[in-house]
Every structure is written in structure tokens, then in C-alpha cells.
PDB file of N, CA and C in Angstrom:
ATOM      1  N   UNK A   1      13.090-102.441 -86.075  1.00  0.00           N
ATOM      2  CA  UNK A   1      11.905-101.691 -86.396  1.00  0.00           C
ATOM      3  C   UNK A   1      12.608-100.971 -87.621  1.00  0.00           C
ATOM      4  N   UNK A   2      13.870-101.143 -87.942  1.00  0.00           N
ATOM      5  CA  UNK A   2      14.264-100.415 -88.921  1.00  0.00           C
ATOM      6  C   UNK A   2      14.060-100.995 -90.147  1.00  0.00           C
ATOM      7  N   UNK A   3      14.225-102.528 -90.074  1.00  0.00           N
ATOM      8  CA  UNK A   3      14.254-103.648 -91.036  1.00  0.00           C
ATOM      9  C   UNK A   3      12.507-103.430 -91.489  1.00  0.00           C
ATOM     10  N   UNK A   4      11.618-103.303 -90.860  1.00  0.00           N
ATOM     11  CA  UNK A   4      10.155-102.995 -90.914  1.00  0.00           C
ATOM     12  C   UNK A   4       9.903-102.177 -91.883  1.00  0.00           C
ATOM     13  N   UNK A   5      10.934-100.721 -91.652  1.00  0.00           N
ATOM     14  CA  UNK A   5      10.384-100.030 -92.416  1.00  0.00           C
ATOM     15  C   UNK A   5      10.896 -99.839 -93.827  1.00  0.00           C
ATOM     16  N   UNK A   6      12.623-100.713 -93.593  1.00  0.00           N
ATOM     17  CA  UNK A   6      13.452-100.770 -94.826  1.00  0.00           C
ATOM     18  C   UNK A   6      12.163-101.491 -96.073  1.00  0.00           C
ATOM     19  N   UNK A   7      11.730-102.850 -95.088  1.00  0.00           N
ATOM     20  CA  UNK A   7      10.698-103.449 -96.030  1.00  0.00           C
ATOM     21  C   UNK A   7       9.509-102.957 -96.441  1.00  0.00           C
ATOM     22  N   UNK A   8       9.211-102.156 -95.721  1.00  0.00           N
ATOM     23  CA  UNK A   8       7.819-101.583 -96.306  1.00  0.00           C
ATOM     24  C   UNK A   8       8.334-100.059 -97.255  1.00  0.00           C
ATOM     25  N   UNK A   9       9.341-100.070 -97.139  1.00  0.00           N
ATOM     26  CA  UNK A   9      10.105 -98.506 -98.400  1.00  0.00           C
ATOM     27  C   UNK A   9      10.281 -99.765 -99.718  1.00  0.00           C
ATOM     28  N   UNK A  10      10.733-101.072 -99.131  1.00  0.00           N
ATOM     29  CA  UNK A  10      11.267-101.785-100.534  1.00  0.00           C
ATOM     30  C   UNK A  10       9.743-102.367-101.143  1.00  0.00           C
ATOM     31  N   UNK A  11       8.685-102.836-100.343  1.00  0.00           N
ATOM     32  CA  UNK A  11       7.605-102.937-101.176  1.00  0.00           C
ATOM     33  C   UNK A  11       6.647-101.639-102.155  1.00  0.00           C
ATOM     34  N   UNK A  12       6.643-100.161-101.436  1.00  0.00           N
ATOM     35  CA  UNK A  12       6.116 -99.443-102.190  1.00  0.00           C
ATOM     36  C   UNK A  12       7.176 -99.021-103.299  1.00  0.00           C
ATOM     37  N   UNK A  13       8.349 -98.991-103.219  1.00  0.00           N
ATOM     38  CA  UNK A  13       8.794 -98.975-104.565  1.00  0.00           C
ATOM     39  C   UNK A  13       8.970-100.265-105.575  1.00  0.00           C
ATOM     40  N   UNK A  14       8.749-101.219-104.826  1.00  0.00           N
ATOM     41  CA  UNK A  14       8.565-102.515-106.313  1.00  0.00           C
ATOM     42  C   UNK A  14       6.988-102.202-106.688  1.00  0.00           C
ATOM     43  N   UNK A  15       5.990-101.616-105.946  1.00  0.00           N
ATOM     44  CA  UNK A  15       4.408-101.439-106.250  1.00  0.00           C
ATOM     45  C   UNK A  15       4.959-100.182-107.518  1.00  0.00           C
ATOM     46  N   UNK A  16       5.712 -99.077-106.935  1.00  0.00           N
ATOM     47  CA  UNK A  16       5.411 -98.210-107.920  1.00  0.00           C
ATOM     48  C   UNK A  16       6.372 -98.225-109.397  1.00  0.00           C
ATOM     49  N   UNK A  17       7.136 -99.364-109.249  1.00  0.00           N
ATOM     50  CA  UNK A  17       7.983 -99.890-110.726  1.00  0.00           C
ATOM     51  C   UNK A  17       6.953-100.462-111.658  1.00  0.00           C
ATOM     52  N   UNK A  18       6.437-101.534-111.259  1.00  0.00           N
ATOM     53  CA  UNK A  18       5.646-102.325-111.304  1.00  0.00           C
ATOM     54  C   UNK A  18       4.441-101.761-112.312  1.00  0.00           C
ATOM     55  N   UNK A  19       3.647-100.545-111.379  1.00  0.00           N
ATOM     56  CA  UNK A  19       2.400 -99.768-112.362  1.00  0.00           C
ATOM     57  C   UNK A  19       3.406 -98.936-113.320  1.00  0.00           C
ATOM     58  N   UNK A  20       4.290 -98.540-113.046  1.00  0.00           N
ATOM     59  CA  UNK A  20       4.824 -97.513-114.271  1.00  0.00           C
ATOM     60  C   UNK A  20       5.047 -98.453-114.990  1.00  0.00           C
ATOM     61  N   UNK A  21       5.889 -99.527-115.199  1.00  0.00           N
ATOM     62  CA  UNK A  21       6.109-100.063-116.219  1.00  0.00           C
ATOM     63  C   UNK A  21       5.165-101.129-116.781  1.00  0.00           C
ATOM     64  N   UNK A  22       4.222-100.907-116.051  1.00  0.00           N
ATOM     65  CA  UNK A  22       3.115-101.512-116.868  1.00  0.00           C
ATOM     66  C   UNK A  22       2.040-100.570-117.749  1.00  0.00           C
ATOM     67  N   UNK A  23       2.331 -99.093-117.436  1.00  0.00           N
ATOM     68  CA  UNK A  23       1.779 -98.229-118.264  1.00  0.00           C
ATOM     69  C   UNK A  23       2.749 -97.645-119.354  1.00  0.00           C
ATOM     70  N   UNK A  24       3.776 -97.800-119.105  1.00  0.00           N
ATOM     71  CA  UNK A  24       5.195 -97.898-120.450  1.00  0.00           C
ATOM     72  C   UNK A  24       4.843 -99.287-121.129  1.00  0.00           C
ATOM     73  N   UNK A  25       4.276-100.577-121.125  1.00  0.00           N
ATOM     74  CA  UNK A  25       4.174-101.356-122.130  1.00  0.00           C
ATOM     75  C   UNK A  25       4.269-101.182-123.406  1.00  0.00           C
ATOM     76  N   UNK A  26       5.152-101.801-123.922  1.00  0.00           N
ATOM     77  CA  UNK A  26       5.225-101.560-125.620  1.00  0.00           C
ATOM     78  C   UNK A  26       4.318-102.502-126.043  1.00  0.00           C
ATOM     79  N   UNK A  27       3.620-102.121-127.311  1.00  0.00           N
ATOM     80  CA  UNK A  27       2.750-102.701-128.257  1.00  0.00           C
ATOM     81  C   UNK A  27       3.131-102.787-129.703  1.00  0.00           C
ATOM     82  N   UNK A  28       2.263-103.975-130.112  1.00  0.00           N
ATOM     83  CA  UNK A  28       2.690-104.151-131.768  1.00  0.00           C
ATOM     84  C   UNK A  28       1.464-103.117-132.526  1.00  0.00           C
ATOM     85  N   UNK A  29       2.210-103.085-133.784  1.00  0.00           N
ATOM     86  CA  UNK A  29       1.422-102.005-134.424  1.00  0.00           C
ATOM     87  C   UNK A  29       1.749-102.617-136.140  1.00  0.00           C
ATOM     88  N   UNK A  30       0.902-102.465-136.759  1.00  0.00           N
ATOM     89  CA  UNK A  30       0.617-102.530-138.305  1.00  0.00           C
ATOM     90  C   UNK A  30       0.785-101.356-139.137  1.00  0.00           C
ATOM     91  N   UNK A  31       1.265-101.044-139.782  1.00  0.00           N
ATOM     92  CA  UNK A  31       1.130-100.024-140.818  1.00  0.00           C
ATOM     93  C   UNK A  31       0.230-100.296-141.792  1.00  0.00           C
ATOM     94  N   UNK A  32      -0.866 -99.023-141.419  1.00  0.00           N
ATOM     95  CA  UNK A  32      -2.075 -99.480-142.397  1.00  0.00           C
ATOM     96  C   UNK A  32      -2.264 -98.926-143.550  1.00  0.00           C
ATOM     97  N   UNK A  33      -1.051 -97.584-143.693  1.00  0.00           N
ATOM     98  CA  UNK A  33      -1.274 -96.797-144.651  1.00  0.00           C
ATOM     99  C   UNK A  33      -0.230 -95.632-144.853  1.00  0.00           C
ATOM    100  N   UNK A  34       0.360 -95.076-145.922  1.00  0.00           N
ATOM    101  CA  UNK A  34       1.226 -94.470-145.658  1.00  0.00           C
ATOM    102  C   UNK A  34       1.199 -93.172-146.867  1.00  0.00           C
ATOM    103  N   UNK A  35       0.667 -92.250-145.974  1.00  0.00           N
ATOM    104  CA  UNK A  35       0.781 -90.484-147.327  1.00  0.00           C
ATOM    105  C   UNK A  35       1.447 -89.800-146.937  1.00  0.00           C
ATOM    106  N   UNK A  36       2.763 -89.539-148.002  1.00  0.00           N
ATOM    107  CA  UNK A  36       3.610 -88.435-147.588  1.00  0.00           C
ATOM    108  C   UNK A  36       4.283 -88.926-146.173  1.00  0.00           C
ATOM    109  N   UNK A  37       4.337 -87.760-145.276  1.00  0.00           N
ATOM    110  CA  UNK A  37       4.838 -88.094-143.767  1.00  0.00           C
ATOM    111  C   UNK A  37       3.750 -88.250-142.844  1.00  0.00           C
ATOM    112  N   UNK A  38       2.628 -88.899-143.244  1.00  0.00           N
ATOM    113  CA  UNK A  38       1.483 -89.786-142.111  1.00  0.00           C
ATOM    114  C   UNK A  38       1.569 -91.209-142.391  1.00  0.00           C
ATOM    115  N   UNK A  39       1.940 -91.977-141.365  1.00  0.00           N
ATOM    116  CA  UNK A  39       1.559 -92.853-141.019  1.00  0.00           C
ATOM    117  C   UNK A  39       0.464 -92.873-140.319  1.00  0.00           C
ATOM    118  N   UNK A  40      -0.457 -94.258-140.551  1.00  0.00           N
ATOM    119  CA  UNK A  40      -1.848 -94.825-139.754  1.00  0.00           C
ATOM    120  C   UNK A  40      -1.205 -96.023-139.126  1.00  0.00           C
ATOM    121  N   UNK A  41      -1.469 -96.477-137.878  1.00  0.00           N
ATOM    122  CA  UNK A  41      -0.839 -97.508-137.428  1.00  0.00           C
ATOM    123  C   UNK A  41      -1.812 -98.187-137.013  1.00  0.00           C
ATOM    124  N   UNK A  42      -2.446 -99.306-136.868  1.00  0.00           N
ATOM    125  CA  UNK A  42      -3.592-100.300-136.502  1.00  0.00           C
ATOM    126  C   UNK A  42      -2.959-100.884-135.287  1.00  0.00           C
ATOM    127  N   UNK A  43      -3.374-101.011-133.941  1.00  0.00           N
ATOM    128  CA  UNK A  43      -2.523-101.767-132.837  1.00  0.00           C
ATOM    129  C   UNK A  43      -3.310-102.639-132.055  1.00  0.00           C
ATOM    130  N   UNK A  44      -3.047-103.639-132.234  1.00  0.00           N
ATOM    131  CA  UNK A  44      -3.325-104.943-131.608  1.00  0.00           C
ATOM    132  C   UNK A  44      -4.109-104.721-130.193  1.00  0.00           C
ATOM    133  N   UNK A  45      -5.162-104.726-129.627  1.00  0.00           N
ATOM    134  CA  UNK A  45      -5.116-103.893-128.011  1.00  0.00           C
ATOM    135  C   UNK A  45      -5.975-102.738-127.829  1.00  0.00           C
ATOM    136  N   UNK A  46      -5.987-102.289-126.849  1.00  0.00           N
ATOM    137  CA  UNK A  46      -6.257-100.948-126.507  1.00  0.00           C
ATOM    138  C   UNK A  46      -5.097-100.229-126.199  1.00  0.00           C
ATOM    139  N   UNK A  47      -5.026 -98.718-126.763  1.00  0.00           N
ATOM    140  CA  UNK A  47      -3.984 -98.338-126.261  1.00  0.00           C
ATOM    141  C   UNK A  47      -3.348 -97.531-125.009  1.00  0.00           C
ATOM    142  N   UNK A  48      -2.250 -97.469-124.919  1.00  0.00           N
ATOM    143  CA  UNK A  48      -1.843 -97.138-123.359  1.00  0.00           C
ATOM    144  C   UNK A  48      -2.319 -95.747-123.237  1.00  0.00           C
ATOM    145  N   UNK A  49      -2.144 -95.522-122.083  1.00  0.00           N
ATOM    146  CA  UNK A  49      -2.319 -94.283-121.502  1.00  0.00           C
ATOM    147  C   UNK A  49      -1.465 -92.786-122.188  1.00  0.00           C
ATOM    148  N   UNK A  50      -0.338 -93.301-122.829  1.00  0.00           N
ATOM    149  CA  UNK A  50       0.930 -92.346-123.546  1.00  0.00           C
ATOM    150  C   UNK A  50       0.299 -92.392-124.682  1.00  0.00           C
ATOM    151  N   UNK A  51      -0.163 -93.267-125.448  1.00  0.00           N
ATOM    152  CA  UNK A  51      -0.778 -92.560-126.849  1.00  0.00           C
ATOM    153  C   UNK A  51      -1.906 -92.198-126.971  1.00  0.00           C
ATOM    154  N   UNK A  52      -1.537 -91.023-126.874  1.00  0.00           N
ATOM    155  CA  UNK A  52      -2.577 -89.871-127.406  1.00  0.00           C
ATOM    156  C   UNK A  52      -2.128 -88.877-128.152  1.00  0.00           C
ATOM    157  N   UNK A  53      -3.067 -88.175-128.666  1.00  0.00           N
ATOM    158  CA  UNK A  53      -2.492 -86.548-129.630  1.00  0.00           C
ATOM    159  C   UNK A  53      -1.619 -85.974-128.947  1.00  0.00           C
ATOM    160  N   UNK A  54      -0.642 -85.313-129.498  1.00  0.00           N
ATOM    161  CA  UNK A  54      -0.115 -84.446-129.224  1.00  0.00           C
ATOM    162  C   UNK A  54       1.641 -85.801-128.176  1.00  0.00           C
ATOM    163  N   UNK A  55       0.952 -86.508-128.358  1.00  0.00           N
ATOM    164  CA  UNK A  55       2.362 -87.822-127.677  1.00  0.00           C
ATOM    165  C   UNK A  55       3.060 -88.014-128.608  1.00  0.00           C
ATOM    166  N   UNK A  56       4.319 -88.857-128.268  1.00  0.00           N
ATOM    167  CA  UNK A  56       5.329 -89.211-129.185  1.00  0.00           C
ATOM    168  C   UNK A  56       5.810 -90.665-129.390  1.00  0.00           C
ATOM    169  N   UNK A  57       5.934 -91.303-130.644  1.00  0.00           N
ATOM    170  CA  UNK A  57       6.108 -92.789-130.675  1.00  0.00           C
ATOM    171  C   UNK A  57       7.560 -92.671-131.117  1.00  0.00           C
ATOM    172  N   UNK A  58       7.949 -94.014-130.458  1.00  0.00           N
ATOM    173  CA  UNK A  58       8.800 -94.923-130.878  1.00  0.00           C
ATOM    174  C   UNK A  58       8.642 -96.306-131.756  1.00  0.00           C
ATOM    175  N   UNK A  59       9.289 -96.595-132.617  1.00  0.00           N
ATOM    176  CA  UNK A  59       9.026 -97.634-133.412  1.00  0.00           C
ATOM    177  C   UNK A  59      10.202 -98.560-133.938  1.00  0.00           C
ATOM    178  N   UNK A  60      10.162-100.052-133.381  1.00  0.00           N
ATOM    179  CA  UNK A  60      11.424-100.694-133.738  1.00  0.00           C
ATOM    180  C   UNK A  60      10.967-101.835-134.370  1.00  0.00           C
ATOM    181  N   UNK A  61      11.226-102.446-135.140  1.00  0.00           N
ATOM    182  CA  UNK A  61      11.260-103.253-136.612  1.00  0.00           C
ATOM    183  C   UNK A  61      11.811-104.593-135.732  1.00  0.00           C
ATOM    184  N   UNK A  62      11.187-105.796-136.509  1.00  0.00           N
ATOM    185  CA  UNK A  62      11.172-107.103-135.806  1.00  0.00           C
ATOM    186  C   UNK A  62      12.879-107.387-135.796  1.00  0.00           C
ATOM    187  N   UNK A  63      13.464-106.765-136.587  1.00  0.00           N
ATOM    188  CA  UNK A  63      15.076-107.008-136.324  1.00  0.00           C
ATOM    189  C   UNK A  63      16.041-106.243-135.270  1.00  0.00           C
ATOM    190  N   UNK A  64      15.248-105.365-134.801  1.00  0.00           N
ATOM    191  CA  UNK A  64      15.418-104.510-133.508  1.00  0.00           C
ATOM    192  C   UNK A  64      15.912-103.258-133.906  1.00  0.00           C
ATOM    193  N   UNK A  65      15.992-103.005-135.116  1.00  0.00           N
ATOM    194  CA  UNK A  65      16.361-101.408-135.727  1.00  0.00           C
ATOM    195  C   UNK A  65      15.262-100.714-135.532  1.00  0.00           C
ATOM    196  N   UNK A  66      15.919 -99.483-135.183  1.00  0.00           N
ATOM    197  CA  UNK A  66      14.956 -98.774-134.364  1.00  0.00           C
ATOM    198  C   UNK A  66      14.325 -97.659-135.618  1.00  0.00           C
ATOM    199  N   UNK A  67      13.242 -97.471-135.961  1.00  0.00           N
ATOM    200  CA  UNK A  67      12.888 -96.811-137.009  1.00  0.00           C
ATOM    201  C   UNK A  67      12.601 -95.470-137.052  1.00  0.00           C
ATOM    202  N   UNK A  68      11.424 -95.406-135.991  1.00  0.00           N
ATOM    203  CA  UNK A  68      10.936 -94.167-135.590  1.00  0.00           C
ATOM    204  C   UNK A  68      11.614 -93.614-134.341  1.00  0.00           C
ATOM    205  N   UNK A  69      12.153 -92.645-133.727  1.00  0.00           N
ATOM    206  CA  UNK A  69      12.164 -92.140-132.295  1.00  0.00           C
ATOM    207  C   UNK A  69      11.301 -90.968-131.743  1.00  0.00           C
ATOM    208  N   UNK A  70      11.116 -90.426-132.643  1.00  0.00           N
ATOM    209  CA  UNK A  70      10.193 -89.283-131.718  1.00  0.00           C
ATOM    210  C   UNK A  70       8.914 -88.940-132.956  1.00  0.00           C
ATOM    211  N   UNK A  71       8.084 -89.259-133.220  1.00  0.00           N
ATOM    212  CA  UNK A  71       7.078 -89.287-134.472  1.00  0.00           C
ATOM    213  C   UNK A  71       5.947 -88.922-133.574  1.00  0.00           C
ATOM    214  N   UNK A  72       5.523 -87.384-134.190  1.00  0.00           N
ATOM    215  CA  UNK A  72       4.551 -87.127-133.229  1.00  0.00           C
ATOM    216  C   UNK A  72       3.175 -87.557-133.904  1.00  0.00           C
ATOM    217  N   UNK A  73       2.182 -87.751-132.630  1.00  0.00           N
ATOM    218  CA  UNK A  73       1.307 -88.678-132.757  1.00  0.00           C
ATOM    219  C   UNK A  73       0.005 -87.507-132.824  1.00  0.00           C
ATOM    220  N   UNK A  74      -0.687 -87.380-134.215  1.00  0.00           N
ATOM    221  CA  UNK A  74      -1.523 -86.583-134.398  1.00  0.00           C
ATOM    222  C   UNK A  74      -2.925 -86.607-134.321  1.00  0.00           C
ATOM    223  N   UNK A  75      -3.200 -88.428-134.384  1.00  0.00           N
ATOM    224  CA  UNK A  75      -4.577 -88.903-133.766  1.00  0.00           C
ATOM    225  C   UNK A  75      -4.554 -90.004-132.966  1.00  0.00           C
ATOM    226  N   UNK A  76      -4.970 -90.121-132.729  1.00  0.00           N
ATOM    227  CA  UNK A  76      -5.022 -91.661-131.492  1.00  0.00           C
ATOM    228  C   UNK A  76      -6.921 -91.983-131.527  1.00  0.00           C
ATOM    229  N   UNK A  77      -7.344 -92.490-132.303  1.00  0.00           N
ATOM    230  CA  UNK A  77      -8.719 -93.305-132.128  1.00  0.00           C
ATOM    231  C   UNK A  77      -9.183 -94.757-132.111  1.00  0.00           C
ATOM    232  N   UNK A  78      -9.834 -95.079-131.017  1.00  0.00           N
ATOM    233  CA  UNK A  78     -10.024 -96.742-131.176  1.00  0.00           C
ATOM    234  C   UNK A  78      -8.598 -97.356-130.670  1.00  0.00           C
ATOM    235  N   UNK A  79      -8.285 -98.339-131.607  1.00  0.00           N
ATOM    236  CA  UNK A  79      -6.851 -99.004-132.071  1.00  0.00           C
ATOM    237  C   UNK A  79      -5.947 -98.192-133.058  1.00  0.00           C
ATOM    238  N   UNK A  80      -6.359 -96.833-133.399  1.00  0.00           N
ATOM    239  CA  UNK A  80      -5.528 -96.751-134.494  1.00  0.00           C
ATOM    240  C   UNK A  80      -4.753 -95.406-134.167  1.00  0.00           C
ATOM    241  N   UNK A  81      -3.493 -95.393-134.617  1.00  0.00           N
ATOM    242  CA  UNK A  81      -2.856 -94.091-134.200  1.00  0.00           C
ATOM    243  C   UNK A  81      -2.363 -93.256-135.660  1.00  0.00           C
ATOM    244  N   UNK A  82      -2.610 -92.132-135.598  1.00  0.00           N
ATOM    245  CA  UNK A  82      -1.464 -91.622-136.986  1.00  0.00           C
ATOM    246  C   UNK A  82      -0.475 -90.591-136.528  1.00  0.00           C
ATOM    247  N   UNK A  83       0.501 -91.177-137.080  1.00  0.00           N
ATOM    248  CA  UNK A  83       1.996 -89.591-136.583  1.00  0.00           C
ATOM    249  C   UNK A  83       2.275 -89.338-137.762  1.00  0.00           C
ATOM    250  N   UNK A  84       2.817 -88.475-137.662  1.00  0.00           N
ATOM    251  CA  UNK A  84       3.849 -87.374-138.762  1.00  0.00           C
ATOM    252  C   UNK A  84       5.304 -87.643-138.556  1.00  0.00           C
ATOM    253  N   UNK A  85       6.094 -88.246-139.465  1.00  0.00           N
ATOM    254  CA  UNK A  85       7.465 -88.142-139.366  1.00  0.00           C
ATOM    255  C   UNK A  85       8.028 -88.329-140.635  1.00  0.00           C
ATOM    256  N   UNK A  86       9.320 -87.622-140.840  1.00  0.00           N
ATOM    257  CA  UNK A  86      10.052 -87.519-142.008  1.00  0.00           C
ATOM    258  C   UNK A  86      10.953 -88.683-142.631  1.00  0.00           C
ATOM    259  N   UNK A  87      10.697 -90.009-141.865  1.00  0.00           N
ATOM    260  CA  UNK A  87      10.914 -91.447-141.861  1.00  0.00           C
ATOM    261  C   UNK A  87       9.529 -92.494-142.102  1.00  0.00           C
ATOM    262  N   UNK A  88       8.848 -91.508-142.670  1.00  0.00           N
ATOM    263  CA  UNK A  88       7.534 -92.258-143.098  1.00  0.00           C
ATOM    264  C   UNK A  88       8.306 -93.443-144.487  1.00  0.00           C
ATOM    265  N   UNK A  89       9.081 -92.647-145.325  1.00  0.00           N
ATOM    266  CA  UNK A  89       9.779 -93.506-146.586  1.00  0.00           C
ATOM    267  C   UNK A  89      10.342 -94.875-146.136  1.00  0.00           C
ATOM    268  N   UNK A  90      10.874 -94.915-144.913  1.00  0.00           N
ATOM    269  CA  UNK A  90      11.570 -96.222-144.199  1.00  0.00           C
ATOM    270  C   UNK A  90      10.503 -97.295-143.924  1.00  0.00           C
ATOM    271  N   UNK A  91       9.171 -96.773-144.018  1.00  0.00           N
ATOM    272  CA  UNK A  91       8.602 -97.707-143.621  1.00  0.00           C
ATOM    273  C   UNK A  91       7.420 -98.224-144.785  1.00  0.00           C
ATOM    274  N   UNK A  92       6.770 -99.373-144.425  1.00  0.00           N
ATOM    275  CA  UNK A  92       6.141-100.078-145.823  1.00  0.00           C
ATOM    276  C   UNK A  92       4.970-100.485-145.100  1.00  0.00           C
ATOM    277  N   UNK A  93       3.415-100.393-146.140  1.00  0.00           N
ATOM    278  CA  UNK A  93       2.224-100.699-145.739  1.00  0.00           C
ATOM    279  C   UNK A  93       2.285-102.163-145.468  1.00  0.00           C
ATOM    280  N   UNK A  94       1.638-102.924-144.223  1.00  0.00           N
ATOM    281  CA  UNK A  94       1.827-104.069-144.008  1.00  0.00           C
ATOM    282  C   UNK A  94       2.666-104.458-142.862  1.00  0.00           C
ATOM    283  N   UNK A  95       3.788-103.958-142.832  1.00  0.00           N
ATOM    284  CA  UNK A  95       4.986-104.270-142.119  1.00  0.00           C
ATOM    285  C   UNK A  95       4.537-103.949-140.257  1.00  0.00           C
ATOM    286  N   UNK A  96       5.272-104.603-139.560  1.00  0.00           N
ATOM    287  CA  UNK A  96       4.701-104.725-138.383  1.00  0.00           C
ATOM    288  C   UNK A  96       5.603-104.258-137.615  1.00  0.00           C
ATOM    289  N   UNK A  97       5.299-103.476-136.814  1.00  0.00           N
ATOM    290  CA  UNK A  97       6.379-102.634-135.791  1.00  0.00           C
ATOM    291  C   UNK A  97       6.479-103.131-134.088  1.00  0.00           C
ATOM    292  N   UNK A  98       7.314-102.804-133.093  1.00  0.00           N
ATOM    293  CA  UNK A  98       6.933-103.202-131.860  1.00  0.00           C
ATOM    294  C   UNK A  98       7.112-101.543-131.962  1.00  0.00           C
ATOM    295  N   UNK A  99       6.103-100.849-130.912  1.00  0.00           N
ATOM    296  CA  UNK A  99       6.090 -99.570-130.384  1.00  0.00           C
ATOM    297  C   UNK A  99       5.985 -99.206-129.195  1.00  0.00           C
ATOM    298  N   UNK A 100       6.557 -98.119-129.266  1.00  0.00           N
ATOM    299  CA  UNK A 100       6.791 -97.598-127.270  1.00  0.00           C
ATOM    300  C   UNK A 100       6.494 -95.659-127.686  1.00  0.00           C
ATOM    301  N   UNK A 101       6.560 -95.696-126.002  1.00  0.00           N
ATOM    302  CA  UNK A 101       6.396 -94.042-125.923  1.00  0.00           C
ATOM    303  C   UNK A 101       7.750 -93.569-126.342  1.00  0.00           C
ATOM    304  N   UNK A 102       7.782 -92.135-127.138  1.00  0.00           N
ATOM    305  CA  UNK A 102       8.894 -91.845-127.498  1.00  0.00           C
ATOM    306  C   UNK A 102       9.116 -90.441-126.669  1.00  0.00           C
ATOM    307  N   UNK A 103       9.913 -89.704-127.594  1.00  0.00           N
ATOM    308  CA  UNK A 103      10.223 -88.418-126.916  1.00  0.00           C
ATOM    309  C   UNK A 103      10.611 -87.244-127.854  1.00  0.00           C
ATOM    310  N   UNK A 104      10.345 -85.992-127.381  1.00  0.00           N
ATOM    311  CA  UNK A 104       9.740 -85.096-128.687  1.00  0.00           C
ATOM    312  C   UNK A 104      11.421 -84.740-128.746  1.00  0.00           C
ATOM    313  N   UNK A 105      12.812 -84.589-128.094  1.00  0.00           N
ATOM    314  CA  UNK A 105      13.534 -84.525-128.648  1.00  0.00           C
ATOM    315  C   UNK A 105      14.381 -85.298-128.931  1.00  0.00           C
ATOM    316  N   UNK A 106      13.958 -86.732-129.310  1.00  0.00           N
ATOM    317  CA  UNK A 106      14.443 -87.626-129.989  1.00  0.00           C
ATOM    318  C   UNK A 106      15.034 -87.217-131.292  1.00  0.00           C
ATOM    319  N   UNK A 107      15.663 -87.575-132.213  1.00  0.00           N
ATOM    320  CA  UNK A 107      16.677 -86.685-133.685  1.00  0.00           C
ATOM    321  C   UNK A 107      16.924 -85.765-133.780  1.00  0.00           C
ATOM    322  N   UNK A 108      16.597 -84.894-132.715  1.00  0.00           N
ATOM    323  CA  UNK A 108      17.766 -84.000-132.846  1.00  0.00           C
ATOM    324  C   UNK A 108      19.035 -83.810-132.750  1.00  0.00           C
TER     325      UNK A 108
END
């Protein structure tokens, strides 16, 4: 009886973690334009649920260097994200980054 209960709990935990990981999936984005502190990124495929106006973005370069930690998403339409960040000068138009969900407190 206890083994069955533990098996059910383990299956529920695996299902929860799998669904959570799918929503947190990183995606690839390319810089379309930079204007001051505003960066427009074009994303391959659909935007995940966390990529919405008011959310935060994290960007990592191909070499693994963390470029953005908590850039604020100011617009999310179609497959385009617009973010504001003081680190825009470290990015370049045409560069490709791995994008993920950022945190508001990152970089403080």
C-alpha cells in the first residue's frame, strides 16, 4: 500500500516538473535592432507564456557569457520581443542569443 502511494506521488512530481520545464524552455532570439536602451529581438517559433509585457528576460551569448539578467519586456507581439536594458551597448544587431526567463531583482 505504501509503495503504491509513493509511486503515485513520484509520478505526480515527475509530471509537474516536466510541465514546469516545458514552460521555462529557453529559446533562440536574434537582435533585429538597437535604439539606445531598447533592443528588439526576433524569436524563432512562438513565444512561451513567460515572455509577455512586464516580464523579464535573460540572454546568454553563444560562448555562455550572460549578457542580460533582468531586462524588462516592454512589448511582446507575434515572434518579436522588445526589451529595455542598460546593457544594450553590449549587444549587436544580427547577434543570436539564448533567451530565458529573467528576474526583476537580477543585476541589483
